[in-house]
């Protein structure tokens, strides 16, 4: 399908889809008349990207997750989980640095948000 069709079906802008394509999150082919053509899988990939963005993953982290998911069929689930843990540890480390200078109210808010998100991530890992 062309980028306009994908944008309409996904609810995202053409500009956003183009950005994801340039970041190598989406595969694209070119038609003979130079139109960008996306496979049916692109819609599913955009949904996954949306979920990962809600988890506040960076573009680089989303790239890694999509790559790991694509290659999880190789039976390398342990490596996938290890990479997830490394990503989370890096995020926790950065967050701890920020929280050193935060008020108690801000820290409590962040800890509550983290608790909710971690519960969601653990549930996702458990369902693999």
Protein backbone atom coordinates (compact mmCIF):
# COMPACT_ATOMS: atom_id res chain seq x y z
CA UNK A 1 0.00 0.00 0.00
CA UNK A 2 1.11 3.58 -0.53
CA UNK A 3 2.10 5.86 2.33
CA UNK A 4 -1.18 7.81 2.18
CA UNK A 5 -3.20 4.63 2.56
CA UNK A 6 -1.03 3.51 5.47
CA UNK A 7 -1.43 6.90 7.13
CA UNK A 8 -5.19 6.74 6.78
CA UNK A 9 -5.42 3.19 8.17
CA UNK A 10 -3.01 3.82 11.03
CA UNK A 11 -4.27 7.26 12.03
CA UNK A 12 -0.72 8.62 11.81
CA UNK A 13 0.50 11.41 9.59
CA UNK A 14 2.47 10.79 6.41
CA UNK A 15 5.28 12.78 8.01
CA UNK A 16 5.39 10.44 11.04
CA UNK A 17 5.42 7.35 8.85
CA UNK A 18 8.17 8.88 6.72
CA UNK A 19 10.18 9.58 9.90
CA UNK A 20 9.78 5.97 11.08
CA UNK A 21 10.86 4.79 7.64
CA UNK A 22 13.99 6.97 7.72
CA UNK A 23 14.75 5.55 11.20
CA UNK A 24 14.56 2.04 9.72
CA UNK A 25 11.55 1.08 11.82
CA UNK A 26 9.49 0.36 8.69
CA UNK A 27 10.47 -1.38 5.50
CA UNK A 28 9.58 0.35 2.27
CA UNK A 29 9.92 -0.49 -1.39
CA UNK A 30 9.64 1.82 -4.37
CA UNK A 31 7.27 1.29 -7.26
CA UNK A 32 8.30 1.81 -10.88
CA UNK A 33 6.85 5.31 -10.63
CA UNK A 34 8.80 5.92 -7.36
CA UNK A 35 5.87 5.64 -4.94
CA UNK A 36 6.67 4.34 -1.47
CA UNK A 37 5.02 0.96 -1.03
CA UNK A 38 4.49 -0.68 2.36
CA UNK A 39 3.49 -4.26 3.08
CA UNK A 40 0.46 -5.26 5.14
CA UNK A 41 2.86 -5.94 8.03
CA UNK A 42 3.62 -2.22 8.26
CA UNK A 43 0.30 -1.55 9.97
CA UNK A 44 1.09 -4.11 12.68
CA UNK A 45 4.58 -2.67 13.07
CA UNK A 46 3.11 0.81 13.57
CA UNK A 47 0.88 -0.56 16.35
CA UNK A 48 3.94 -2.08 18.04
CA UNK A 49 5.82 1.21 17.70
CA UNK A 50 2.90 3.00 19.35
CA UNK A 51 2.94 0.59 22.29
CA UNK A 52 6.70 0.93 22.71
CA UNK A 53 6.46 4.73 22.54
CA UNK A 54 3.85 4.62 25.32
CA UNK A 55 6.48 2.80 27.37
CA UNK A 56 8.72 5.80 26.72
CA UNK A 57 11.31 3.88 24.70
CA UNK A 58 13.60 5.92 22.49
CA UNK A 59 13.79 5.36 18.74
CA UNK A 60 17.05 3.41 19.24
CA UNK A 61 15.39 1.22 21.87
CA UNK A 62 12.39 0.66 19.59
CA UNK A 63 14.77 -0.35 16.79
CA UNK A 64 16.40 -2.89 19.10
CA UNK A 65 13.06 -4.26 20.29
CA UNK A 66 11.71 -4.67 16.76
CA UNK A 67 14.94 -6.36 15.70
CA UNK A 68 14.85 -8.69 18.70
CA UNK A 69 11.21 -9.51 18.10
CA UNK A 70 11.90 -10.27 14.45
CA UNK A 71 14.74 -12.59 15.41
CA UNK A 72 13.00 -14.17 18.41
CA UNK A 73 11.88 -16.93 16.06
CA UNK A 74 15.45 -18.17 16.25
CA UNK A 75 14.66 -19.46 19.76
CA UNK A 76 16.90 -16.86 21.40
CA UNK A 77 14.34 -15.67 23.97
CA UNK A 78 16.89 -15.53 26.76
CA UNK A 79 18.98 -13.00 24.80
CA UNK A 80 15.83 -10.97 24.10
CA UNK A 81 14.97 -10.79 27.82
CA UNK A 82 18.58 -9.97 28.69
CA UNK A 83 18.57 -7.04 26.26
CA UNK A 84 15.28 -5.80 27.71
CA UNK A 85 16.82 -5.95 31.18
CA UNK A 86 19.85 -4.00 30.02
CA UNK A 87 17.64 -1.32 28.49
CA UNK A 88 15.61 -1.07 31.68
CA UNK A 89 18.74 -0.88 33.82
CA UNK A 90 20.05 1.99 31.71
CA UNK A 91 16.73 3.83 32.04
CA UNK A 92 16.66 3.26 35.81
CA UNK A 93 20.20 4.57 36.12
CA UNK A 94 19.33 7.76 34.19
CA UNK A 95 16.16 8.17 36.22
CA UNK A 96 18.02 7.81 39.52
CA UNK A 97 20.36 10.60 38.47
CA UNK A 98 17.40 12.88 37.76
CA UNK A 99 15.57 11.93 40.96
CA UNK A 100 18.54 12.92 43.11
CA UNK A 101 17.51 16.55 42.56
CA UNK A 102 13.73 16.04 42.69
CA UNK A 103 11.36 16.88 45.53
CA UNK A 104 9.76 14.12 47.59
CA UNK A 105 6.42 14.72 45.87
CA UNK A 106 8.02 14.36 42.44
CA UNK A 107 9.84 11.19 43.49
CA UNK A 108 6.62 9.65 44.83
CA UNK A 109 4.83 10.45 41.57
CA UNK A 110 7.61 8.88 39.52
CA UNK A 111 7.74 5.77 41.73
CA UNK A 112 3.98 5.25 41.30
CA UNK A 113 4.26 5.64 37.51
CA UNK A 114 7.19 3.21 37.47
CA UNK A 115 5.30 0.66 39.51
CA UNK A 116 2.42 0.72 37.01
CA UNK A 117 4.69 0.48 33.98
CA UNK A 118 6.85 -2.27 35.43
CA UNK A 119 3.74 -4.31 36.17
CA UNK A 120 2.73 -3.97 32.51
CA UNK A 121 6.19 -4.93 31.26
CA UNK A 122 6.36 -7.95 33.54
CA UNK A 123 2.96 -9.10 32.35
CA UNK A 124 4.13 -8.73 28.75
CA UNK A 125 7.29 -10.74 29.42
CA UNK A 126 5.30 -13.41 31.22
CA UNK A 127 2.99 -13.84 28.21
CA UNK A 128 5.86 -14.47 25.77
